[in-house]
Amino acid sequence: EQWLAVKPVIQHLYVDEGHTFLQVAEYLDRHHGFKPTKKQFLTRVKEWGFQKNVKQSERRAILEKFRDGVRIGDFEARKLRGRRLDKAKIERWRKREAL
């Protein structure tokens, strides 16, 4: 099935790199001759369990580590669902949660 052939590409571009549906669809069309509709694309992404955003519960669990004395520099290399967490993102979370 063509979807399985492009699954790793979709994961890399959409989830890891943070590209939009339109950017991913354009890439798939140009490089793979594959033209998914937005509904098809989002349905597959959901079926595969791909998530771009960090859930509030995950964010709070990560921020709890800082309350326990973990420094951001020590935590920076950690990953969430295979994606590296960068220092700037963690700082934004801290400001949002008013820590």
PDB file of N, CA and C in Angstrom:
ATOM      1  N   GLU A   1       0.835  -1.189   0.000  1.00  0.00           N
ATOM      2  CA  GLU A   1       0.000   0.000   0.000  1.00  0.00           C
ATOM      3  C   GLU A   1       0.875   1.246   0.000  1.00  0.00           C
ATOM      4  N   GLN A   2       0.438   2.234  -0.747  1.00  0.00           N
ATOM      5  CA  GLN A   2       1.226   3.457  -0.915  1.00  0.00           C
ATOM      6  C   GLN A   2       1.381   4.240   0.394  1.00  0.00           C
ATOM      7  N   TRP A   3       0.386   4.188   1.258  1.00  0.00           N
ATOM      8  CA  TRP A   3       0.472   4.893   2.534  1.00  0.00           C
ATOM      9  C   TRP A   3       1.640   4.381   3.375  1.00  0.00           C
ATOM     10  N   LEU A   4       1.832   3.071   3.392  1.00  0.00           N
ATOM     11  CA  LEU A   4       2.922   2.507   4.195  1.00  0.00           C
ATOM     12  C   LEU A   4       4.281   2.920   3.654  1.00  0.00           C
ATOM     13  N   ALA A   5       4.361   3.105   2.341  1.00  0.00           N
ATOM     14  CA  ALA A   5       5.625   3.520   1.730  1.00  0.00           C
ATOM     15  C   ALA A   5       6.008   4.943   2.144  1.00  0.00           C
ATOM     16  N   VAL A   6       5.018   5.803   2.352  1.00  0.00           N
ATOM     17  CA  VAL A   6       5.311   7.197   2.697  1.00  0.00           C
ATOM     18  C   VAL A   6       5.175   7.489   4.198  1.00  0.00           C
ATOM     19  N   LYS A   7       4.824   6.500   4.975  1.00  0.00           N
ATOM     20  CA  LYS A   7       4.643   6.701   6.418  1.00  0.00           C
ATOM     21  C   LYS A   7       5.884   7.302   7.086  1.00  0.00           C
ATOM     22  N   PRO A   8       7.096   6.764   6.845  1.00  0.00           N
ATOM     23  CA  PRO A   8       8.268   7.363   7.495  1.00  0.00           C
ATOM     24  C   PRO A   8       8.530   8.802   7.039  1.00  0.00           C
ATOM     25  N   VAL A   9       8.216   9.089   5.795  1.00  0.00           N
ATOM     26  CA  VAL A   9       8.392  10.446   5.273  1.00  0.00           C
ATOM     27  C   VAL A   9       7.430  11.393   5.982  1.00  0.00           C
ATOM     28  N   ILE A  10       6.190  10.966   6.130  1.00  0.00           N
ATOM     29  CA  ILE A  10       5.188  11.781   6.816  1.00  0.00           C
ATOM     30  C   ILE A  10       5.593  12.006   8.269  1.00  0.00           C
ATOM     31  N   GLN A  11       6.055  10.961   8.927  1.00  0.00           N
ATOM     32  CA  GLN A  11       6.464  11.112  10.324  1.00  0.00           C
ATOM     33  C   GLN A  11       7.604  12.120  10.443  1.00  0.00           C
ATOM     34  N   HIS A  12       8.574  12.001   9.571  1.00  0.00           N
ATOM     35  CA  HIS A  12       9.720  12.908   9.639  1.00  0.00           C
ATOM     36  C   HIS A  12       9.311  14.358   9.363  1.00  0.00           C
ATOM     37  N   LEU A  13       8.600  14.578   8.268  1.00  0.00           N
ATOM     38  CA  LEU A  13       8.254  15.945   7.883  1.00  0.00           C
ATOM     39  C   LEU A  13       7.191  16.568   8.786  1.00  0.00           C
ATOM     40  N   TYR A  14       6.134  15.829   9.060  1.00  0.00           N
ATOM     41  CA  TYR A  14       4.988  16.385   9.789  1.00  0.00           C
ATOM     42  C   TYR A  14       5.229  16.433  11.296  1.00  0.00           C
ATOM     43  N   VAL A  15       5.727  15.346  11.850  1.00  0.00           N
ATOM     44  CA  VAL A  15       5.896  15.274  13.306  1.00  0.00           C
ATOM     45  C   VAL A  15       7.253  15.824  13.737  1.00  0.00           C
ATOM     46  N   ASP A  16       8.333  15.262  13.186  1.00  0.00           N
ATOM     47  CA  ASP A  16       9.671  15.641  13.635  1.00  0.00           C
ATOM     48  C   ASP A  16      10.059  17.059  13.221  1.00  0.00           C
ATOM     49  N   GLU A  17       9.786  17.412  11.961  1.00  0.00           N
ATOM     50  CA  GLU A  17      10.179  18.725  11.451  1.00  0.00           C
ATOM     51  C   GLU A  17       9.105  19.793  11.653  1.00  0.00           C
ATOM     52  N   GLY A  18       7.866  19.380  11.921  1.00  0.00           N
ATOM     53  CA  GLY A  18       6.801  20.335  12.203  1.00  0.00           C
ATOM     54  C   GLY A  18       6.203  21.021  10.989  1.00  0.00           C
ATOM     55  N   HIS A  19       6.347  20.415   9.809  1.00  0.00           N
ATOM     56  CA  HIS A  19       5.772  21.008   8.602  1.00  0.00           C
ATOM     57  C   HIS A  19       4.251  20.890   8.615  1.00  0.00           C
ATOM     58  N   THR A  20       3.598  21.767   7.866  1.00  0.00           N
ATOM     59  CA  THR A  20       2.144  21.753   7.769  1.00  0.00           C
ATOM     60  C   THR A  20       1.694  20.656   6.804  1.00  0.00           C
ATOM     61  N   PHE A  21       0.390  20.377   6.826  1.00  0.00           N
ATOM     62  CA  PHE A  21      -0.166  19.412   5.879  1.00  0.00           C
ATOM     63  C   PHE A  21       0.154  19.817   4.449  1.00  0.00           C
ATOM     64  N   LEU A  22      -0.048  21.091   4.110  1.00  0.00           N
ATOM     65  CA  LEU A  22       0.186  21.539   2.733  1.00  0.00           C
ATOM     66  C   LEU A  22       1.635  21.339   2.306  1.00  0.00           C
ATOM     67  N   GLN A  23       2.571  21.614   3.188  1.00  0.00           N
ATOM     68  CA  GLN A  23       3.985  21.420   2.871  1.00  0.00           C
ATOM     69  C   GLN A  23       4.298  19.944   2.652  1.00  0.00           C
ATOM     70  N   VAL A  24       3.760  19.095   3.513  1.00  0.00           N
ATOM     71  CA  VAL A  24       3.994  17.653   3.386  1.00  0.00           C
ATOM     72  C   VAL A  24       3.331  17.125   2.119  1.00  0.00           C
ATOM     73  N   ALA A  25       2.103  17.565   1.851  1.00  0.00           N
ATOM     74  CA  ALA A  25       1.382  17.107   0.661  1.00  0.00           C
ATOM     75  C   ALA A  25       2.126  17.502  -0.609  1.00  0.00           C
ATOM     76  N   GLU A  26       2.665  18.711  -0.629  1.00  0.00           N
ATOM     77  CA  GLU A  26       3.432  19.166  -1.792  1.00  0.00           C
ATOM     78  C   GLU A  26       4.683  18.305  -1.980  1.00  0.00           C
ATOM     79  N   TYR A  27       5.377  18.017  -0.889  1.00  0.00           N
ATOM     80  CA  TYR A  27       6.572  17.172  -0.957  1.00  0.00           C
ATOM     81  C   TYR A  27       6.215  15.774  -1.466  1.00  0.00           C
ATOM     82  N   LEU A  28       5.151  15.199  -0.923  1.00  0.00           N
ATOM     83  CA  LEU A  28       4.734  13.855  -1.339  1.00  0.00           C
ATOM     84  C   LEU A  28       4.371  13.825  -2.819  1.00  0.00           C
ATOM     85  N   ASP A  29       3.724  14.867  -3.296  1.00  0.00           N
ATOM     86  CA  ASP A  29       3.359  14.942  -4.713  1.00  0.00           C
ATOM     87  C   ASP A  29       4.608  15.046  -5.584  1.00  0.00           C
ATOM     88  N   ARG A  30       5.521  15.937  -5.221  1.00  0.00           N
ATOM     89  CA  ARG A  30       6.736  16.154  -6.009  1.00  0.00           C
ATOM     90  C   ARG A  30       7.669  14.946  -6.020  1.00  0.00           C
ATOM     91  N   HIS A  31       7.872  14.335  -4.859  1.00  0.00           N
ATOM     92  CA  HIS A  31       8.893  13.290  -4.740  1.00  0.00           C
ATOM     93  C   HIS A  31       8.360  11.867  -4.808  1.00  0.00           C
ATOM     94  N   HIS A  32       7.069  11.687  -4.576  1.00  0.00           N
ATOM     95  CA  HIS A  32       6.509  10.331  -4.549  1.00  0.00           C
ATOM     96  C   HIS A  32       5.291  10.160  -5.448  1.00  0.00           C
ATOM     97  N   GLY A  33       4.844  11.247  -6.091  1.00  0.00           N
ATOM     98  CA  GLY A  33       3.662  11.170  -6.941  1.00  0.00           C
ATOM     99  C   GLY A  33       2.411  10.778  -6.175  1.00  0.00           C
ATOM    100  N   PHE A  34       2.356  11.160  -4.915  1.00  0.00           N
ATOM    101  CA  PHE A  34       1.274  10.772  -4.012  1.00  0.00           C
ATOM    102  C   PHE A  34       0.512  12.023  -3.599  1.00  0.00           C
ATOM    103  N   LYS A  35      -0.812  12.032  -3.791  1.00  0.00           N
ATOM    104  CA  LYS A  35      -1.621  13.220  -3.512  1.00  0.00           C
ATOM    105  C   LYS A  35      -2.753  12.907  -2.533  1.00  0.00           C
ATOM    106  N   PRO A  36      -2.464  12.916  -1.242  1.00  0.00           N
ATOM    107  CA  PRO A  36      -3.539  12.654  -0.267  1.00  0.00           C
ATOM    108  C   PRO A  36      -4.398  13.898  -0.062  1.00  0.00           C
ATOM    109  N   THR A  37      -5.671  13.685   0.238  1.00  0.00           N
ATOM    110  CA  THR A  37      -6.513  14.810   0.650  1.00  0.00           C
ATOM    111  C   THR A  37      -6.194  15.103   2.112  1.00  0.00           C
ATOM    112  N   LYS A  38      -6.609  16.260   2.575  1.00  0.00           N
ATOM    113  CA  LYS A  38      -6.343  16.614   3.971  1.00  0.00           C
ATOM    114  C   LYS A  38      -7.039  15.639   4.915  1.00  0.00           C
ATOM    115  N   LYS A  39      -8.271  15.260   4.591  1.00  0.00           N
ATOM    116  CA  LYS A  39      -9.015  14.319   5.436  1.00  0.00           C
ATOM    117  C   LYS A  39      -8.308  12.964   5.489  1.00  0.00           C
ATOM    118  N   GLN A  40      -7.873  12.461   4.339  1.00  0.00           N
ATOM    119  CA  GLN A  40      -7.151  11.183   4.307  1.00  0.00           C
ATOM    120  C   GLN A  40      -5.884  11.272   5.156  1.00  0.00           C
ATOM    121  N   PHE A  41      -5.151  12.358   4.969  1.00  0.00           N
ATOM    122  CA  PHE A  41      -3.887  12.561   5.669  1.00  0.00           C
ATOM    123  C   PHE A  41      -4.096  12.574   7.184  1.00  0.00           C
ATOM    124  N   LEU A  42      -5.039  13.394   7.642  1.00  0.00           N
ATOM    125  CA  LEU A  42      -5.267  13.511   9.085  1.00  0.00           C
ATOM    126  C   LEU A  42      -5.812  12.220   9.683  1.00  0.00           C
ATOM    127  N   THR A  43      -6.601  11.485   8.907  1.00  0.00           N
ATOM    128  CA  THR A  43      -7.101  10.189   9.377  1.00  0.00           C
ATOM    129  C   THR A  43      -5.940   9.228   9.593  1.00  0.00           C
ATOM    130  N   ARG A  44      -5.022   9.156   8.628  1.00  0.00           N
ATOM    131  CA  ARG A  44      -3.859   8.257   8.764  1.00  0.00           C
ATOM    132  C   ARG A  44      -2.961   8.680   9.917  1.00  0.00           C
ATOM    133  N   VAL A  45      -2.720   9.964  10.036  1.00  0.00           N
ATOM    134  CA  VAL A  45      -1.869  10.468  11.122  1.00  0.00           C
ATOM    135  C   VAL A  45      -2.454  10.051  12.469  1.00  0.00           C
ATOM    136  N   LYS A  46      -3.763  10.171  12.598  1.00  0.00           N
ATOM    137  CA  LYS A  46      -4.426   9.775  13.846  1.00  0.00           C
ATOM    138  C   LYS A  46      -4.335   8.266  14.058  1.00  0.00           C
ATOM    139  N   GLU A  47      -4.571   7.475  13.001  1.00  0.00           N
ATOM    140  CA  GLU A  47      -4.483   6.011  13.102  1.00  0.00           C
ATOM    141  C   GLU A  47      -3.095   5.569  13.536  1.00  0.00           C
ATOM    142  N   TRP A  48      -2.075   6.228  13.014  1.00  0.00           N
ATOM    143  CA  TRP A  48      -0.695   5.866  13.335  1.00  0.00           C
ATOM    144  C   TRP A  48      -0.262   6.387  14.703  1.00  0.00           C
ATOM    145  N   GLY A  49      -1.050   7.235  15.320  1.00  0.00           N
ATOM    146  CA  GLY A  49      -0.711   7.764  16.638  1.00  0.00           C
ATOM    147  C   GLY A  49       0.307   8.887  16.605  1.00  0.00           C
ATOM    148  N   PHE A  50       0.490   9.513  15.446  1.00  0.00           N
ATOM    149  CA  PHE A  50       1.432  10.628  15.344  1.00  0.00           C
ATOM    150  C   PHE A  50       0.823  11.855  16.008  1.00  0.00           C
ATOM    151  N   GLN A  51       1.615  12.524  16.833  1.00  0.00           N
ATOM    152  CA  GLN A  51       1.152  13.731  17.512  1.00  0.00           C
ATOM    153  C   GLN A  51       2.221  14.799  17.414  1.00  0.00           C
ATOM    154  N   LYS A  52       1.826  15.968  16.963  1.00  0.00           N
ATOM    155  CA  LYS A  52       2.763  17.079  16.846  1.00  0.00           C
ATOM    156  C   LYS A  52       2.919  17.818  18.169  1.00  0.00           C
ATOM    157  N   ASN A  53       1.844  17.948  18.892  1.00  0.00           N
ATOM    158  CA  ASN A  53       1.852  18.767  20.101  1.00  0.00           C
ATOM    159  C   ASN A  53       2.088  17.929  21.350  1.00  0.00           C
ATOM    160  N   VAL A  54       2.664  18.570  22.346  1.00  0.00           N
ATOM    161  CA  VAL A  54       2.904  17.926  23.630  1.00  0.00           C
ATOM    162  C   VAL A  54       1.649  18.113  24.474  1.00  0.00           C
ATOM    163  N   LYS A  55       1.165  17.032  25.025  1.00  0.00           N
ATOM    164  CA  LYS A  55      -0.037  17.093  25.856  1.00  0.00           C
ATOM    165  C   LYS A  55       0.265  17.842  27.149  1.00  0.00           C
ATOM    166  N   GLN A  56      -0.760  18.477  27.685  1.00  0.00           N
ATOM    167  CA  GLN A  56      -0.595  19.242  28.918  1.00  0.00           C
ATOM    168  C   GLN A  56      -0.085  18.354  30.054  1.00  0.00           C
ATOM    169  N   SER A  57      -0.571  17.138  30.140  1.00  0.00           N
ATOM    170  CA  SER A  57      -0.125  16.234  31.206  1.00  0.00           C
ATOM    171  C   SER A  57       1.357  15.889  31.045  1.00  0.00           C
ATOM    172  N   GLU A  58       1.812  15.719  29.806  1.00  0.00           N
ATOM    173  CA  GLU A  58       3.232  15.439  29.557  1.00  0.00           C
ATOM    174  C   GLU A  58       4.079  16.656  29.918  1.00  0.00           C
ATOM    175  N   ARG A  59       3.605  17.826  29.518  1.00  0.00           N
ATOM    176  CA  ARG A  59       4.327  19.067  29.801  1.00  0.00           C
ATOM    177  C   ARG A  59       4.466  19.267  31.310  1.00  0.00           C
ATOM    178  N   ARG A  60       3.386  19.032  32.029  1.00  0.00           N
ATOM    179  CA  ARG A  60       3.440  19.205  33.486  1.00  0.00           C
ATOM    180  C   ARG A  60       4.366  18.195  34.144  1.00  0.00           C
ATOM    181  N   ALA A  61       4.390  16.964  33.642  1.00  0.00           N
ATOM    182  CA  ALA A  61       5.286  15.941  34.197  1.00  0.00           C
ATOM    183  C   ALA A  61       6.745  16.340  33.987  1.00  0.00           C
ATOM    184  N   ILE A  62       7.042  16.910  32.836  1.00  0.00           N
ATOM    185  CA  ILE A  62       8.406  17.364  32.557  1.00  0.00           C
ATOM    186  C   ILE A  62       8.762  18.527  33.478  1.00  0.00           C
ATOM    187  N   LEU A  63       7.844  19.469  33.630  1.00  0.00           N
ATOM    188  CA  LEU A  63       8.113  20.625  34.490  1.00  0.00           C
ATOM    189  C   LEU A  63       8.263  20.230  35.956  1.00  0.00           C
ATOM    190  N   GLU A  64       7.616  19.156  36.369  1.00  0.00           N
ATOM    191  CA  GLU A  64       7.775  18.656  37.742  1.00  0.00           C
ATOM    192  C   GLU A  64       9.231  18.307  38.026  1.00  0.00           C
ATOM    193  N   LYS A  65       9.939  17.829  37.021  1.00  0.00           N
ATOM    194  CA  LYS A  65      11.347  17.479  37.210  1.00  0.00           C
ATOM    195  C   LYS A  65      12.162  18.700  37.604  1.00  0.00           C
ATOM    196  N   PHE A  66      11.791  19.874  37.079  1.00  0.00           N
ATOM    197  CA  PHE A  66      12.513  21.093  37.436  1.00  0.00           C
ATOM    198  C   PHE A  66      12.199  21.517  38.863  1.00  0.00           C
ATOM    199  N   ARG A  67      11.004  21.249  39.295  1.00  0.00           N
ATOM    200  CA  ARG A  67      10.657  21.540  40.691  1.00  0.00           C
ATOM    201  C   ARG A  67      11.479  20.660  41.630  1.00  0.00           C
ATOM    202  N   ASP A  68      11.882  19.495  41.124  1.00  0.00           N
ATOM    203  CA  ASP A  68      12.685  18.567  41.920  1.00  0.00           C
ATOM    204  C   ASP A  68      14.177  18.860  41.811  1.00  0.00           C
ATOM    205  N   GLY A  69      14.552  19.959  41.149  1.00  0.00           N
ATOM    206  CA  GLY A  69      15.947  20.378  41.115  1.00  0.00           C
ATOM    207  C   GLY A  69      16.736  19.990  39.887  1.00  0.00           C
ATOM    208  N   VAL A  70      16.119  19.435  38.873  1.00  0.00           N
ATOM    209  CA  VAL A  70      16.838  19.104  37.643  1.00  0.00           C
ATOM    210  C   VAL A  70      17.059  20.395  36.867  1.00  0.00           C
ATOM    211  N   ARG A  71      18.292  20.615  36.423  1.00  0.00           N
ATOM    212  CA  ARG A  71      18.591  21.816  35.646  1.00  0.00           C
ATOM    213  C   ARG A  71      18.204  21.598  34.184  1.00  0.00           C
ATOM    214  N   ILE A  72      17.838  22.674  33.518  1.00  0.00           N
ATOM    215  CA  ILE A  72      17.440  22.570  32.111  1.00  0.00           C
ATOM    216  C   ILE A  72      18.585  22.029  31.271  1.00  0.00           C
ATOM    217  N   GLY A  73      19.798  22.454  31.544  1.00  0.00           N
ATOM    218  CA  GLY A  73      20.949  21.963  30.787  1.00  0.00           C
ATOM    219  C   GLY A  73      21.108  20.456  30.889  1.00  0.00           C
ATOM    220  N   ASP A  74      20.791  19.891  32.041  1.00  0.00           N
ATOM    221  CA  ASP A  74      20.877  18.443  32.226  1.00  0.00           C
ATOM    222  C   ASP A  74      19.742  17.726  31.513  1.00  0.00           C
ATOM    223  N   PHE A  75      18.635  18.411  31.367  1.00  0.00           N
ATOM    224  CA  PHE A  75      17.437  17.794  30.808  1.00  0.00           C
ATOM    225  C   PHE A  75      17.343  17.971  29.297  1.00  0.00           C
ATOM    226  N   GLU A  76      18.094  18.900  28.758  1.00  0.00           N
ATOM    227  CA  GLU A  76      17.939  19.331  27.371  1.00  0.00           C
ATOM    228  C   GLU A  76      17.994  18.200  26.352  1.00  0.00           C
ATOM    229  N   ALA A  77      18.838  17.220  26.577  1.00  0.00           N
ATOM    230  CA  ALA A  77      19.005  16.152  25.588  1.00  0.00           C
ATOM    231  C   ALA A  77      17.893  15.104  25.639  1.00  0.00           C
ATOM    232  N   ARG A  78      16.983  15.214  26.568  1.00  0.00           N
ATOM    233  CA  ARG A  78      15.910  14.225  26.689  1.00  0.00           C
ATOM    234  C   ARG A  78      14.972  14.291  25.501  1.00  0.00           C
ATOM    235  N   LYS A  79      14.258  13.201  25.325  1.00  0.00           N
ATOM    236  CA  LYS A  79      13.319  13.127  24.211  1.00  0.00           C
ATOM    237  C   LYS A  79      11.928  12.785  24.716  1.00  0.00           C
ATOM    238  N   LEU A  80      10.947  13.237  23.965  1.00  0.00           N
ATOM    239  CA  LEU A  80       9.556  12.914  24.235  1.00  0.00           C
ATOM    240  C   LEU A  80       8.989  12.347  22.947  1.00  0.00           C
ATOM    241  N   ARG A  81       8.530  11.105  23.006  1.00  0.00           N
ATOM    242  CA  ARG A  81       8.015  10.412  21.822  1.00  0.00           C
ATOM    243  C   ARG A  81       9.007  10.456  20.669  1.00  0.00           C
ATOM    244  N   GLY A  82      10.293  10.324  20.990  1.00  0.00           N
ATOM    245  CA  GLY A  82      11.330  10.288  19.969  1.00  0.00           C
ATOM    246  C   GLY A  82      11.792  11.647  19.481  1.00  0.00           C
ATOM    247  N   ARG A  83      11.181  12.707  19.969  1.00  0.00           N
ATOM    248  CA  ARG A  83      11.560  14.054  19.547  1.00  0.00           C
ATOM    249  C   ARG A  83      12.334  14.744  20.653  1.00  0.00           C
ATOM    250  N   ARG A  84      13.424  15.402  20.271  1.00  0.00           N
ATOM    251  CA  ARG A  84      14.272  16.091  21.231  1.00  0.00           C
ATOM    252  C   ARG A  84      13.551  17.324  21.774  1.00  0.00           C
ATOM    253  N   LEU A  85      13.648  17.530  23.069  1.00  0.00           N
ATOM    254  CA  LEU A  85      13.072  18.716  23.706  1.00  0.00           C
ATOM    255  C   LEU A  85      14.149  19.787  23.795  1.00  0.00           C
ATOM    256  N   ASP A  86      13.888  20.946  23.229  1.00  0.00           N
ATOM    257  CA  ASP A  86      14.903  21.987  23.287  1.00  0.00           C
ATOM    258  C   ASP A  86      14.668  22.942  24.461  1.00  0.00           C
ATOM    259  N   LYS A  87      15.732  23.621  24.829  1.00  0.00           N
ATOM    260  CA  LYS A  87      15.723  24.496  25.997  1.00  0.00           C
ATOM    261  C   LYS A  87      14.687  25.617  25.862  1.00  0.00           C
ATOM    262  N   ALA A  88      14.571  26.200  24.685  1.00  0.00           N
ATOM    263  CA  ALA A  88      13.634  27.309  24.478  1.00  0.00           C
ATOM    264  C   ALA A  88      12.193  26.867  24.701  1.00  0.00           C
ATOM    265  N   LYS A  89      11.869  25.677  24.241  1.00  0.00           N
ATOM    266  CA  LYS A  89      10.503  25.171  24.413  1.00  0.00           C
ATOM    267  C   LYS A  89      10.196  24.956  25.893  1.00  0.00           C
ATOM    268  N   ILE A  90      11.144  24.377  26.612  1.00  0.00           N
ATOM    269  CA  ILE A  90      10.947  24.131  28.039  1.00  0.00           C
ATOM    270  C   ILE A  90      10.794  25.454  28.790  1.00  0.00           C
ATOM    271  N   GLU A  91      11.589  26.454  28.402  1.00  0.00           N
ATOM    272  CA  GLU A  91      11.474  27.778  29.033  1.00  0.00           C
ATOM    273  C   GLU A  91      10.097  28.391  28.780  1.00  0.00           C
ATOM    274  N   ARG A  92       9.562  28.235  27.569  1.00  0.00           N
ATOM    275  CA  ARG A  92       8.217  28.743  27.273  1.00  0.00           C
ATOM    276  C   ARG A  92       7.184  28.071  28.157  1.00  0.00           C
ATOM    277  N   TRP A  93       7.334  26.769  28.331  1.00  0.00           N
ATOM    278  CA  TRP A  93       6.401  26.040  29.194  1.00  0.00           C
ATOM    279  C   TRP A  93       6.466  26.572  30.615  1.00  0.00           C
ATOM    280  N   ARG A  94       7.689  26.809  31.090  1.00  0.00           N
ATOM    281  CA  ARG A  94       7.858  27.300  32.461  1.00  0.00           C
ATOM    282  C   ARG A  94       7.173  28.648  32.640  1.00  0.00           C
ATOM    283  N   LYS A  95       7.331  29.531  31.662  1.00  0.00           N
ATOM    284  CA  LYS A  95       6.692  30.848  31.743  1.00  0.00           C
ATOM    285  C   LYS A  95       5.175  30.712  31.702  1.00  0.00           C
ATOM    286  N   ARG A  96       4.687  29.834  30.845  1.00  0.00           N
ATOM    287  CA  ARG A  96       3.246  29.624  30.717  1.00  0.00           C
ATOM    288  C   ARG A  96       2.657  29.088  32.020  1.00  0.00           C
ATOM    289  N   GLU A  97       3.397  28.182  32.655  1.00  0.00           N
ATOM    290  CA  GLU A  97       2.925  27.587  33.906  1.00  0.00           C
ATOM    291  C   GLU A  97       3.289  28.445  35.118  1.00  0.00           C
ATOM    292  N   ALA A  98       4.000  29.568  34.874  1.00  0.00           N
ATOM    293  CA  ALA A  98       4.385  30.520  35.927  1.00  0.00           C
ATOM    294  C   ALA A  98       5.192  29.860  37.037  1.00  0.00           C
ATOM    295  N   LEU A  99       6.270  29.185  36.635  1.00  0.00           N
ATOM    296  CA  LEU A  99       7.156  28.552  37.624  1.00  0.00           C
ATOM    297  C   LEU A  99       8.247  29.515  38.045  1.00  0.00           C
TER     298      LEU A  99
END
